[in-house]
Amino acid sequence: MCVLRADTAETRALLQRFELGDLWGVGRRLAERLALLGIRTGWDLAQADPKRIRRQFSVTLERTALELRGIPCIEMNDFHEARQRIMTSRSFGKLTGDLGEIREAIRQHGQRGAEKLRSQGSLARAVLVFLKTNPFRNDLPQYSSSLMVELPRPTDDSREILHAAGEACSSSTARATSIRKAA
């Protein structure tokens, strides 16, 4: 990681060498359109009129131009503030239809979510479980389901969270099984 100060010779030199296509969010076609306006480097984009960039391209590119000038446009989360939502998820490294594997993964995620709640001194009012097939495998039947289970009272107790996650998992997998049988 490196911190660049906006108005320094080092930052200017770096941005003058930085091709637009190497900037996050600037693809080849966008770089080509910007080049028609004489904007070829990160420095050129930083010096461009932000309102013109917004009018001709997008608010996202305007924000990128402002950020290159050292003007923050997106607030960073304060890591010391408690989160309103906690999510733990993962993709399986291989295709699986093994309900035991799926239930175990959900149990592990529920446990990890409860740990996160306790570490920030928060309580959960509900548990959401979602299951989704690989969207990049168009050759396979697609499935996406989610179910939220409200808890009887706000809690950080792993047992209650795991019980709710188990209920949601059972309902979701039952739906998936009935869809497969109907297909």
N, C-alpha and C. Protein backbone atom coordinates (compact mmCIF):
# COMPACT_ATOMS: atom_id res chain seq x y z
N MET A 1 0.85 -1.17 0.00
CA MET A 1 0.00 0.00 0.00
C MET A 1 0.89 1.23 0.00
N CYS A 2 0.42 2.28 -0.61
CA CYS A 2 1.20 3.51 -0.68
C CYS A 2 0.24 4.69 -0.63
N VAL A 3 0.63 5.73 0.06
CA VAL A 3 -0.19 6.94 0.17
C VAL A 3 0.45 8.01 -0.69
N LEU A 4 -0.35 8.56 -1.59
CA LEU A 4 0.12 9.63 -2.46
C LEU A 4 -0.55 10.93 -2.05
N ARG A 5 0.21 11.95 -1.85
CA ARG A 5 -0.33 13.28 -1.55
C ARG A 5 -0.66 13.97 -2.87
N ALA A 6 -1.78 14.65 -2.91
CA ALA A 6 -2.31 15.20 -4.17
C ALA A 6 -1.35 16.16 -4.88
N ASP A 7 -0.83 17.12 -4.19
CA ASP A 7 -0.06 18.17 -4.86
C ASP A 7 1.44 18.00 -4.69
N THR A 8 1.94 16.83 -5.08
CA THR A 8 3.38 16.63 -5.00
C THR A 8 3.93 16.28 -6.38
N ALA A 9 5.20 16.54 -6.57
CA ALA A 9 5.85 16.22 -7.84
C ALA A 9 5.82 14.72 -8.10
N GLU A 10 5.96 13.92 -7.03
CA GLU A 10 5.96 12.46 -7.19
C GLU A 10 4.61 11.96 -7.71
N THR A 11 3.54 12.52 -7.14
CA THR A 11 2.20 12.11 -7.57
C THR A 11 1.98 12.50 -9.03
N ARG A 12 2.36 13.72 -9.36
CA ARG A 12 2.19 14.18 -10.74
C ARG A 12 2.97 13.30 -11.70
N ALA A 13 4.23 12.99 -11.39
CA ALA A 13 5.06 12.16 -12.26
C ALA A 13 4.44 10.77 -12.44
N LEU A 14 3.95 10.20 -11.36
CA LEU A 14 3.33 8.88 -11.43
C LEU A 14 2.08 8.92 -12.31
N LEU A 15 1.21 9.90 -12.08
CA LEU A 15 -0.04 9.99 -12.85
C LEU A 15 0.23 10.28 -14.33
N GLN A 16 1.31 10.99 -14.63
CA GLN A 16 1.64 11.27 -16.03
C GLN A 16 2.09 10.00 -16.76
N ARG A 17 2.62 9.04 -16.03
CA ARG A 17 3.04 7.76 -16.63
C ARG A 17 1.93 6.71 -16.60
N PHE A 18 0.89 6.96 -15.83
CA PHE A 18 -0.18 5.98 -15.61
C PHE A 18 -1.17 6.02 -16.76
N GLU A 19 -1.23 4.95 -17.55
CA GLU A 19 -2.18 4.89 -18.66
C GLU A 19 -3.60 4.72 -18.12
N LEU A 20 -4.56 5.32 -18.81
CA LEU A 20 -5.95 5.26 -18.35
C LEU A 20 -6.46 3.83 -18.20
N GLY A 21 -6.07 2.96 -19.11
CA GLY A 21 -6.53 1.58 -19.05
C GLY A 21 -6.07 0.85 -17.80
N ASP A 22 -5.07 1.40 -17.12
CA ASP A 22 -4.58 0.78 -15.88
C ASP A 22 -5.31 1.30 -14.65
N LEU A 23 -6.19 2.27 -14.82
CA LEU A 23 -6.97 2.79 -13.70
C LEU A 23 -8.17 1.89 -13.46
N TRP A 24 -8.48 1.65 -12.18
CA TRP A 24 -9.63 0.85 -11.85
C TRP A 24 -10.89 1.50 -12.42
N GLY A 25 -11.70 0.73 -13.12
CA GLY A 25 -12.96 1.23 -13.65
C GLY A 25 -12.86 1.84 -15.03
N VAL A 26 -11.66 1.93 -15.59
CA VAL A 26 -11.50 2.49 -16.94
C VAL A 26 -11.08 1.36 -17.87
N GLY A 27 -12.02 0.90 -18.65
CA GLY A 27 -11.74 -0.18 -19.59
C GLY A 27 -11.21 0.34 -20.90
N ARG A 28 -10.92 -0.59 -21.80
CA ARG A 28 -10.32 -0.25 -23.09
C ARG A 28 -11.19 0.72 -23.89
N ARG A 29 -12.49 0.43 -23.99
CA ARG A 29 -13.37 1.29 -24.81
C ARG A 29 -13.50 2.68 -24.22
N LEU A 30 -13.59 2.77 -22.90
CA LEU A 30 -13.67 4.08 -22.26
C LEU A 30 -12.37 4.85 -22.46
N ALA A 31 -11.25 4.16 -22.36
CA ALA A 31 -9.95 4.80 -22.57
C ALA A 31 -9.86 5.34 -24.00
N GLU A 32 -10.40 4.61 -24.96
CA GLU A 32 -10.39 5.06 -26.36
C GLU A 32 -11.24 6.32 -26.52
N ARG A 33 -12.41 6.35 -25.89
CA ARG A 33 -13.28 7.54 -25.98
C ARG A 33 -12.62 8.75 -25.33
N LEU A 34 -11.95 8.53 -24.19
CA LEU A 34 -11.27 9.63 -23.50
C LEU A 34 -10.09 10.13 -24.33
N ALA A 35 -9.39 9.21 -25.00
CA ALA A 35 -8.25 9.60 -25.84
C ALA A 35 -8.68 10.56 -26.94
N LEU A 36 -9.90 10.40 -27.46
CA LEU A 36 -10.41 11.32 -28.48
C LEU A 36 -10.51 12.75 -27.96
N LEU A 37 -10.60 12.90 -26.63
CA LEU A 37 -10.66 14.22 -26.00
C LEU A 37 -9.28 14.68 -25.53
N GLY A 38 -8.25 13.88 -25.83
CA GLY A 38 -6.89 14.22 -25.41
C GLY A 38 -6.56 13.77 -24.00
N ILE A 39 -7.41 12.93 -23.43
CA ILE A 39 -7.18 12.42 -22.07
C ILE A 39 -6.60 11.02 -22.20
N ARG A 40 -5.30 10.90 -21.95
CA ARG A 40 -4.60 9.63 -22.16
C ARG A 40 -3.97 9.04 -20.91
N THR A 41 -3.77 9.88 -19.90
CA THR A 41 -3.09 9.41 -18.69
C THR A 41 -3.94 9.75 -17.46
N GLY A 42 -3.54 9.18 -16.33
CA GLY A 42 -4.20 9.51 -15.07
C GLY A 42 -4.12 10.99 -14.78
N TRP A 43 -2.98 11.60 -15.11
CA TRP A 43 -2.81 13.05 -14.90
C TRP A 43 -3.80 13.84 -15.75
N ASP A 44 -3.96 13.44 -17.02
CA ASP A 44 -4.91 14.14 -17.90
C ASP A 44 -6.33 14.07 -17.33
N LEU A 45 -6.69 12.91 -16.81
CA LEU A 45 -8.02 12.76 -16.23
C LEU A 45 -8.16 13.61 -14.98
N ALA A 46 -7.13 13.65 -14.16
CA ALA A 46 -7.17 14.46 -12.94
C ALA A 46 -7.34 15.94 -13.27
N GLN A 47 -6.79 16.38 -14.39
CA GLN A 47 -6.86 17.79 -14.77
C GLN A 47 -8.11 18.14 -15.57
N ALA A 48 -8.85 17.14 -16.02
CA ALA A 48 -10.06 17.37 -16.82
C ALA A 48 -11.14 18.02 -15.96
N ASP A 49 -12.05 18.73 -16.63
CA ASP A 49 -13.19 19.36 -15.94
C ASP A 49 -14.14 18.27 -15.46
N PRO A 50 -14.29 18.12 -14.14
CA PRO A 50 -15.13 17.03 -13.61
C PRO A 50 -16.58 17.08 -14.10
N LYS A 51 -17.13 18.28 -14.25
CA LYS A 51 -18.53 18.38 -14.70
C LYS A 51 -18.67 17.90 -16.14
N ARG A 52 -17.68 18.21 -16.97
CA ARG A 52 -17.69 17.74 -18.35
C ARG A 52 -17.58 16.22 -18.39
N ILE A 53 -16.70 15.68 -17.55
CA ILE A 53 -16.53 14.23 -17.48
C ILE A 53 -17.87 13.59 -17.09
N ARG A 54 -18.54 14.19 -16.12
CA ARG A 54 -19.84 13.65 -15.67
C ARG A 54 -20.87 13.71 -16.79
N ARG A 55 -20.94 14.85 -17.48
CA ARG A 55 -21.92 15.01 -18.56
C ARG A 55 -21.67 14.02 -19.70
N GLN A 56 -20.40 13.86 -20.08
CA GLN A 56 -20.10 13.04 -21.25
C GLN A 56 -19.94 11.55 -20.93
N PHE A 57 -19.67 11.23 -19.67
CA PHE A 57 -19.40 9.84 -19.33
C PHE A 57 -20.29 9.37 -18.18
N SER A 58 -19.88 9.64 -16.95
CA SER A 58 -20.69 9.16 -15.81
C SER A 58 -20.23 9.81 -14.52
N VAL A 59 -21.08 9.72 -13.51
CA VAL A 59 -20.74 10.23 -12.20
C VAL A 59 -19.58 9.42 -11.61
N THR A 60 -19.51 8.15 -11.95
CA THR A 60 -18.42 7.30 -11.46
C THR A 60 -17.08 7.79 -11.98
N LEU A 61 -17.01 8.11 -13.26
CA LEU A 61 -15.75 8.61 -13.83
C LEU A 61 -15.43 10.00 -13.27
N GLU A 62 -16.46 10.81 -13.03
CA GLU A 62 -16.23 12.12 -12.39
C GLU A 62 -15.58 11.92 -11.02
N ARG A 63 -16.09 10.97 -10.26
CA ARG A 63 -15.52 10.70 -8.93
C ARG A 63 -14.08 10.21 -9.04
N THR A 64 -13.80 9.40 -10.03
CA THR A 64 -12.43 8.93 -10.24
C THR A 64 -11.51 10.11 -10.51
N ALA A 65 -11.97 11.03 -11.36
CA ALA A 65 -11.16 12.21 -11.67
C ALA A 65 -10.91 13.04 -10.41
N LEU A 66 -11.94 13.23 -9.61
CA LEU A 66 -11.78 13.99 -8.37
C LEU A 66 -10.86 13.28 -7.38
N GLU A 67 -11.00 11.96 -7.27
CA GLU A 67 -10.13 11.19 -6.38
C GLU A 67 -8.68 11.33 -6.81
N LEU A 68 -8.42 11.34 -8.13
CA LEU A 68 -7.06 11.51 -8.63
C LEU A 68 -6.48 12.88 -8.24
N ARG A 69 -7.35 13.83 -8.01
CA ARG A 69 -6.92 15.16 -7.54
C ARG A 69 -6.71 15.19 -6.03
N GLY A 70 -7.10 14.10 -5.36
CA GLY A 70 -6.96 14.05 -3.91
C GLY A 70 -8.22 14.49 -3.18
N ILE A 71 -9.34 14.57 -3.91
CA ILE A 71 -10.61 14.96 -3.31
C ILE A 71 -11.42 13.70 -3.04
N PRO A 72 -11.59 13.32 -1.77
CA PRO A 72 -12.34 12.09 -1.47
C PRO A 72 -13.80 12.22 -1.88
N CYS A 73 -14.30 11.18 -2.51
CA CYS A 73 -15.70 11.17 -2.96
C CYS A 73 -16.53 10.08 -2.31
N ILE A 74 -15.88 9.08 -1.78
CA ILE A 74 -16.59 7.97 -1.15
C ILE A 74 -16.05 7.82 0.25
N GLU A 75 -16.97 7.86 1.23
CA GLU A 75 -16.55 7.72 2.62
C GLU A 75 -16.10 6.29 2.89
N MET A 76 -15.03 6.17 3.62
CA MET A 76 -14.58 4.85 4.07
C MET A 76 -15.33 4.55 5.36
N ASN A 77 -15.65 3.28 5.56
CA ASN A 77 -16.31 2.88 6.80
C ASN A 77 -15.36 3.10 7.97
N ASP A 78 -15.90 3.58 9.05
CA ASP A 78 -15.10 3.68 10.27
C ASP A 78 -15.06 2.29 10.87
N PHE A 79 -13.87 1.70 10.91
CA PHE A 79 -13.75 0.32 11.35
C PHE A 79 -14.08 0.13 12.81
N HIS A 80 -14.19 1.24 13.55
CA HIS A 80 -14.51 1.13 14.96
C HIS A 80 -16.02 1.18 15.21
N GLU A 81 -16.80 1.54 14.19
CA GLU A 81 -18.25 1.58 14.34
C GLU A 81 -18.82 0.18 14.15
N ALA A 82 -19.86 -0.11 14.91
CA ALA A 82 -20.53 -1.41 14.78
C ALA A 82 -21.24 -1.48 13.43
N ARG A 83 -21.19 -2.61 12.79
CA ARG A 83 -21.85 -2.80 11.51
C ARG A 83 -23.35 -3.05 11.75
N GLN A 84 -24.16 -2.58 10.81
CA GLN A 84 -25.60 -2.82 10.89
C GLN A 84 -25.93 -4.22 10.40
N ARG A 85 -25.11 -4.73 9.48
CA ARG A 85 -25.30 -6.08 8.95
C ARG A 85 -23.96 -6.79 8.96
N ILE A 86 -24.02 -8.06 9.25
CA ILE A 86 -22.82 -8.89 9.24
C ILE A 86 -23.07 -10.01 8.25
N MET A 87 -22.10 -10.24 7.37
CA MET A 87 -22.26 -11.29 6.37
C MET A 87 -21.03 -12.19 6.39
N THR A 88 -21.27 -13.46 6.36
CA THR A 88 -20.20 -14.43 6.15
C THR A 88 -20.68 -15.34 5.04
N SER A 89 -19.85 -15.53 4.04
CA SER A 89 -20.25 -16.38 2.91
C SER A 89 -19.01 -16.98 2.27
N ARG A 90 -19.24 -17.95 1.43
CA ARG A 90 -18.14 -18.52 0.68
C ARG A 90 -18.69 -19.30 -0.49
N SER A 91 -17.86 -19.46 -1.47
CA SER A 91 -18.19 -20.33 -2.58
C SER A 91 -17.47 -21.65 -2.35
N PHE A 92 -18.11 -22.73 -2.72
CA PHE A 92 -17.45 -24.02 -2.62
C PHE A 92 -16.41 -24.10 -3.73
N GLY A 93 -15.32 -24.75 -3.49
CA GLY A 93 -14.27 -24.88 -4.48
C GLY A 93 -14.62 -25.87 -5.58
N LYS A 94 -15.69 -26.62 -5.37
CA LYS A 94 -16.12 -27.62 -6.34
C LYS A 94 -17.64 -27.67 -6.32
N LEU A 95 -18.21 -28.24 -7.37
CA LEU A 95 -19.66 -28.42 -7.40
C LEU A 95 -20.06 -29.40 -6.31
N THR A 96 -21.15 -29.11 -5.63
CA THR A 96 -21.64 -30.03 -4.61
C THR A 96 -23.15 -30.00 -4.56
N GLY A 97 -23.70 -31.14 -4.34
CA GLY A 97 -25.13 -31.26 -4.09
C GLY A 97 -25.33 -31.97 -2.75
N ASP A 98 -24.24 -32.14 -2.03
CA ASP A 98 -24.24 -32.84 -0.75
C ASP A 98 -24.86 -31.93 0.31
N LEU A 99 -26.07 -32.26 0.75
CA LEU A 99 -26.78 -31.43 1.73
C LEU A 99 -26.02 -31.36 3.04
N GLY A 100 -25.32 -32.42 3.40
CA GLY A 100 -24.52 -32.41 4.63
C GLY A 100 -23.42 -31.35 4.55
N GLU A 101 -22.75 -31.28 3.40
CA GLU A 101 -21.71 -30.27 3.19
C GLU A 101 -22.29 -28.85 3.28
N ILE A 102 -23.44 -28.68 2.66
CA ILE A 102 -24.09 -27.36 2.66
C ILE A 102 -24.50 -26.97 4.08
N ARG A 103 -25.10 -27.90 4.80
CA ARG A 103 -25.51 -27.62 6.18
C ARG A 103 -24.30 -27.29 7.06
N GLU A 104 -23.20 -28.01 6.88
CA GLU A 104 -22.00 -27.75 7.67
C GLU A 104 -21.44 -26.36 7.36
N ALA A 105 -21.45 -25.98 6.08
CA ALA A 105 -20.97 -24.64 5.71
C ALA A 105 -21.85 -23.57 6.35
N ILE A 106 -23.15 -23.76 6.32
CA ILE A 106 -24.07 -22.78 6.92
C ILE A 106 -23.85 -22.72 8.43
N ARG A 107 -23.61 -23.87 9.05
CA ARG A 107 -23.33 -23.89 10.49
C ARG A 107 -22.06 -23.09 10.81
N GLN A 108 -21.02 -23.30 10.01
CA GLN A 108 -19.77 -22.56 10.23
C GLN A 108 -19.96 -21.06 10.04
N HIS A 109 -20.74 -20.68 9.03
CA HIS A 109 -20.98 -19.25 8.80
C HIS A 109 -21.83 -18.64 9.91
N GLY A 110 -22.81 -19.40 10.39
CA GLY A 110 -23.62 -18.91 11.51
C GLY A 110 -22.76 -18.70 12.75
N GLN A 111 -21.87 -19.64 13.01
CA GLN A 111 -20.96 -19.53 14.16
C GLN A 111 -20.06 -18.30 14.02
N ARG A 112 -19.51 -18.11 12.82
CA ARG A 112 -18.63 -16.96 12.58
C ARG A 112 -19.41 -15.64 12.71
N GLY A 113 -20.64 -15.62 12.23
CA GLY A 113 -21.47 -14.41 12.36
C GLY A 113 -21.73 -14.08 13.82
N ALA A 114 -22.01 -15.10 14.62
CA ALA A 114 -22.25 -14.88 16.05
C ALA A 114 -20.98 -14.35 16.73
N GLU A 115 -19.82 -14.86 16.34
CA GLU A 115 -18.55 -14.35 16.89
C GLU A 115 -18.37 -12.88 16.54
N LYS A 116 -18.67 -12.52 15.30
CA LYS A 116 -18.55 -11.11 14.88
C LYS A 116 -19.51 -10.23 15.69
N LEU A 117 -20.73 -10.72 15.91
CA LEU A 117 -21.70 -9.96 16.71
C LEU A 117 -21.13 -9.70 18.10
N ARG A 118 -20.64 -10.75 18.74
CA ARG A 118 -20.12 -10.60 20.10
C ARG A 118 -18.90 -9.67 20.12
N SER A 119 -18.04 -9.74 19.10
CA SER A 119 -16.83 -8.92 19.12
C SER A 119 -17.15 -7.43 19.01
N GLN A 120 -18.27 -7.09 18.39
CA GLN A 120 -18.62 -5.66 18.29
C GLN A 120 -19.74 -5.28 19.27
N GLY A 121 -20.14 -6.22 20.13
CA GLY A 121 -21.15 -5.92 21.14
C GLY A 121 -22.53 -5.71 20.56
N SER A 122 -22.87 -6.43 19.50
CA SER A 122 -24.16 -6.27 18.84
C SER A 122 -25.04 -7.49 19.03
N LEU A 123 -26.30 -7.33 18.64
CA LEU A 123 -27.27 -8.42 18.68
C LEU A 123 -27.94 -8.54 17.32
N ALA A 124 -28.33 -9.75 16.96
CA ALA A 124 -29.03 -9.98 15.70
C ALA A 124 -30.52 -10.12 15.97
N ARG A 125 -31.33 -9.61 15.04
CA ARG A 125 -32.77 -9.78 15.13
C ARG A 125 -33.27 -10.81 14.14
N ALA A 126 -32.41 -11.16 13.16
CA ALA A 126 -32.81 -12.13 12.14
C ALA A 126 -31.56 -12.76 11.53
N VAL A 127 -31.78 -13.90 10.88
CA VAL A 127 -30.71 -14.61 10.19
C VAL A 127 -31.20 -14.85 8.76
N LEU A 128 -30.35 -14.52 7.79
CA LEU A 128 -30.67 -14.74 6.38
C LEU A 128 -29.72 -15.80 5.85
N VAL A 129 -30.28 -16.81 5.20
CA VAL A 129 -29.47 -17.84 4.55
C VAL A 129 -29.80 -17.79 3.08
N PHE A 130 -28.76 -17.76 2.24
CA PHE A 130 -29.00 -17.81 0.80
C PHE A 130 -28.16 -18.90 0.18
N LEU A 131 -28.73 -19.54 -0.81
CA LEU A 131 -28.07 -20.59 -1.58
C LEU A 131 -28.19 -20.21 -3.05
N LYS A 132 -27.09 -20.37 -3.78
CA LYS A 132 -27.10 -19.99 -5.18
C LYS A 132 -26.15 -20.90 -5.96
N THR A 133 -26.60 -21.31 -7.12
CA THR A 133 -25.72 -22.11 -7.96
C THR A 133 -24.72 -21.21 -8.67
N ASN A 134 -23.75 -21.80 -9.31
CA ASN A 134 -22.72 -21.06 -10.02
C ASN A 134 -23.33 -20.37 -11.25
N PRO A 135 -23.40 -19.02 -11.24
CA PRO A 135 -24.05 -18.32 -12.36
C PRO A 135 -23.24 -18.40 -13.66
N PHE A 136 -21.99 -18.84 -13.58
CA PHE A 136 -21.15 -18.93 -14.77
C PHE A 136 -21.26 -20.28 -15.45
N ARG A 137 -22.01 -21.18 -14.83
CA ARG A 137 -22.23 -22.51 -15.42
C ARG A 137 -23.60 -22.54 -16.06
N ASN A 138 -23.72 -21.92 -17.23
CA ASN A 138 -25.01 -21.88 -17.94
C ASN A 138 -25.45 -23.25 -18.42
N ASP A 139 -24.52 -24.21 -18.43
CA ASP A 139 -24.85 -25.56 -18.87
C ASP A 139 -25.59 -26.34 -17.79
N LEU A 140 -25.66 -25.79 -16.58
CA LEU A 140 -26.33 -26.47 -15.47
C LEU A 140 -27.60 -25.72 -15.07
N PRO A 141 -28.58 -26.44 -14.49
CA PRO A 141 -29.79 -25.75 -13.99
C PRO A 141 -29.39 -24.71 -12.93
N GLN A 142 -30.03 -23.56 -12.97
CA GLN A 142 -29.71 -22.48 -12.04
C GLN A 142 -30.71 -22.45 -10.90
N TYR A 143 -30.20 -22.10 -9.71
CA TYR A 143 -31.04 -22.03 -8.53
C TYR A 143 -30.54 -20.89 -7.65
N SER A 144 -31.46 -20.13 -7.11
CA SER A 144 -31.11 -19.06 -6.19
C SER A 144 -32.26 -18.91 -5.20
N SER A 145 -31.94 -19.04 -3.93
CA SER A 145 -32.98 -18.97 -2.92
C SER A 145 -32.42 -18.29 -1.68
N SER A 146 -33.28 -17.58 -0.99
CA SER A 146 -32.88 -17.02 0.31
C SER A 146 -34.09 -17.06 1.22
N LEU A 147 -33.78 -17.17 2.50
CA LEU A 147 -34.85 -17.19 3.48
C LEU A 147 -34.37 -16.50 4.74
N MET A 148 -35.19 -15.58 5.24
CA MET A 148 -34.86 -14.88 6.48
C MET A 148 -35.72 -15.45 7.60
N VAL A 149 -35.06 -15.73 8.71
CA VAL A 149 -35.76 -16.23 9.89
C VAL A 149 -35.59 -15.20 10.99
N GLU A 150 -36.72 -14.63 11.44
CA GLU A 150 -36.65 -13.67 12.54
C GLU A 150 -36.42 -14.43 13.84
N LEU A 151 -35.59 -13.85 14.68
CA LEU A 151 -35.29 -14.46 15.97
C LEU A 151 -36.33 -14.01 16.99
N PRO A 152 -36.64 -14.85 17.99
CA PRO A 152 -37.65 -14.48 18.99
C PRO A 152 -37.28 -13.20 19.74
N ARG A 153 -35.99 -12.98 19.92
CA ARG A 153 -35.50 -11.76 20.57
C ARG A 153 -34.09 -11.50 20.06
N PRO A 154 -33.64 -10.25 20.06
CA PRO A 154 -32.26 -9.97 19.62
C PRO A 154 -31.26 -10.77 20.45
N THR A 155 -30.26 -11.34 19.76
CA THR A 155 -29.32 -12.21 20.46
C THR A 155 -27.95 -12.23 19.77
N ASP A 156 -26.94 -12.65 20.53
CA ASP A 156 -25.64 -12.97 19.97
C ASP A 156 -25.28 -14.42 20.32
N ASP A 157 -26.27 -15.16 20.79
CA ASP A 157 -26.08 -16.54 21.22
C ASP A 157 -25.96 -17.45 19.99
N SER A 158 -24.83 -18.12 19.88
CA SER A 158 -24.57 -18.99 18.73
C SER A 158 -25.65 -20.05 18.57
N ARG A 159 -26.13 -20.61 19.67
CA ARG A 159 -27.13 -21.68 19.58
C ARG A 159 -28.40 -21.19 18.91
N GLU A 160 -28.87 -19.99 19.27
CA GLU A 160 -30.10 -19.47 18.68
C GLU A 160 -29.89 -19.10 17.21
N ILE A 161 -28.73 -18.55 16.92
CA ILE A 161 -28.43 -18.17 15.54
C ILE A 161 -28.30 -19.42 14.67
N LEU A 162 -27.64 -20.44 15.17
CA LEU A 162 -27.48 -21.69 14.42
C LEU A 162 -28.82 -22.40 14.23
N HIS A 163 -29.68 -22.33 15.23
CA HIS A 163 -31.01 -22.93 15.10
C HIS A 163 -31.79 -22.25 13.96
N ALA A 164 -31.77 -20.92 13.94
CA ALA A 164 -32.47 -20.18 12.88
C ALA A 164 -31.84 -20.47 11.51
N ALA A 165 -30.52 -20.52 11.44
CA ALA A 165 -29.85 -20.82 10.18
C ALA A 165 -30.21 -22.22 9.70
N GLY A 166 -30.31 -23.16 10.63
CA GLY A 166 -30.71 -24.52 10.29
C GLY A 166 -32.12 -24.58 9.74
N GLU A 167 -33.04 -23.82 10.34
CA GLU A 167 -34.42 -23.76 9.82
C GLU A 167 -34.43 -23.23 8.39
N ALA A 168 -33.69 -22.14 8.17
CA ALA A 168 -33.65 -21.53 6.84
C ALA A 168 -33.03 -22.50 5.83
N CYS A 169 -31.98 -23.17 6.24
CA CYS A 169 -31.32 -24.14 5.36
C CYS A 169 -32.27 -25.26 4.99
N SER A 170 -32.97 -25.80 5.97
CA SER A 170 -33.90 -26.90 5.71
C SER A 170 -34.98 -26.48 4.74
N SER A 171 -35.54 -25.28 4.93
CA SER A 171 -36.59 -24.79 4.03
C SER A 171 -36.05 -24.57 2.62
N SER A 172 -34.85 -23.98 2.52
CA SER A 172 -34.25 -23.70 1.20
C SER A 172 -33.89 -24.98 0.48
N THR A 173 -33.31 -25.94 1.18
CA THR A 173 -32.93 -27.19 0.51
C THR A 173 -34.17 -28.01 0.15
N ALA A 174 -35.22 -27.92 0.95
CA ALA A 174 -36.47 -28.61 0.61
C ALA A 174 -37.05 -28.04 -0.67
N ARG A 175 -37.01 -26.70 -0.80
CA ARG A 175 -37.50 -26.06 -2.03
C ARG A 175 -36.65 -26.48 -3.22
N ALA A 176 -35.34 -26.52 -3.05
CA ALA A 176 -34.43 -26.90 -4.15
C ALA A 176 -34.71 -28.33 -4.59
N THR A 177 -34.96 -29.22 -3.64
CA THR A 177 -35.25 -30.62 -3.96
C THR A 177 -36.55 -30.74 -4.72
N SER A 178 -37.57 -29.99 -4.31
CA SER A 178 -38.87 -30.08 -5.01
C SER A 178 -38.77 -29.48 -6.41
N ILE A 179 -37.94 -28.47 -6.59
CA ILE A 179 -37.75 -27.88 -7.94
C ILE A 179 -37.04 -28.87 -8.84
N ARG A 180 -35.99 -29.55 -8.29
CA ARG A 180 -35.27 -30.55 -9.09
C ARG A 180 -36.19 -31.68 -9.52
N LYS A 181 -37.06 -32.14 -8.61
CA LYS A 181 -37.96 -33.24 -8.93
C LYS A 181 -38.98 -32.83 -9.98
N ALA A 182 -39.42 -31.56 -9.95
CA ALA A 182 -40.40 -31.08 -10.91
C ALA A 182 -39.77 -30.91 -12.30
N ALA A 183 -38.48 -30.66 -12.34
CA ALA A 183 -37.81 -30.39 -13.63
C ALA A 183 -37.56 -31.62 -14.43
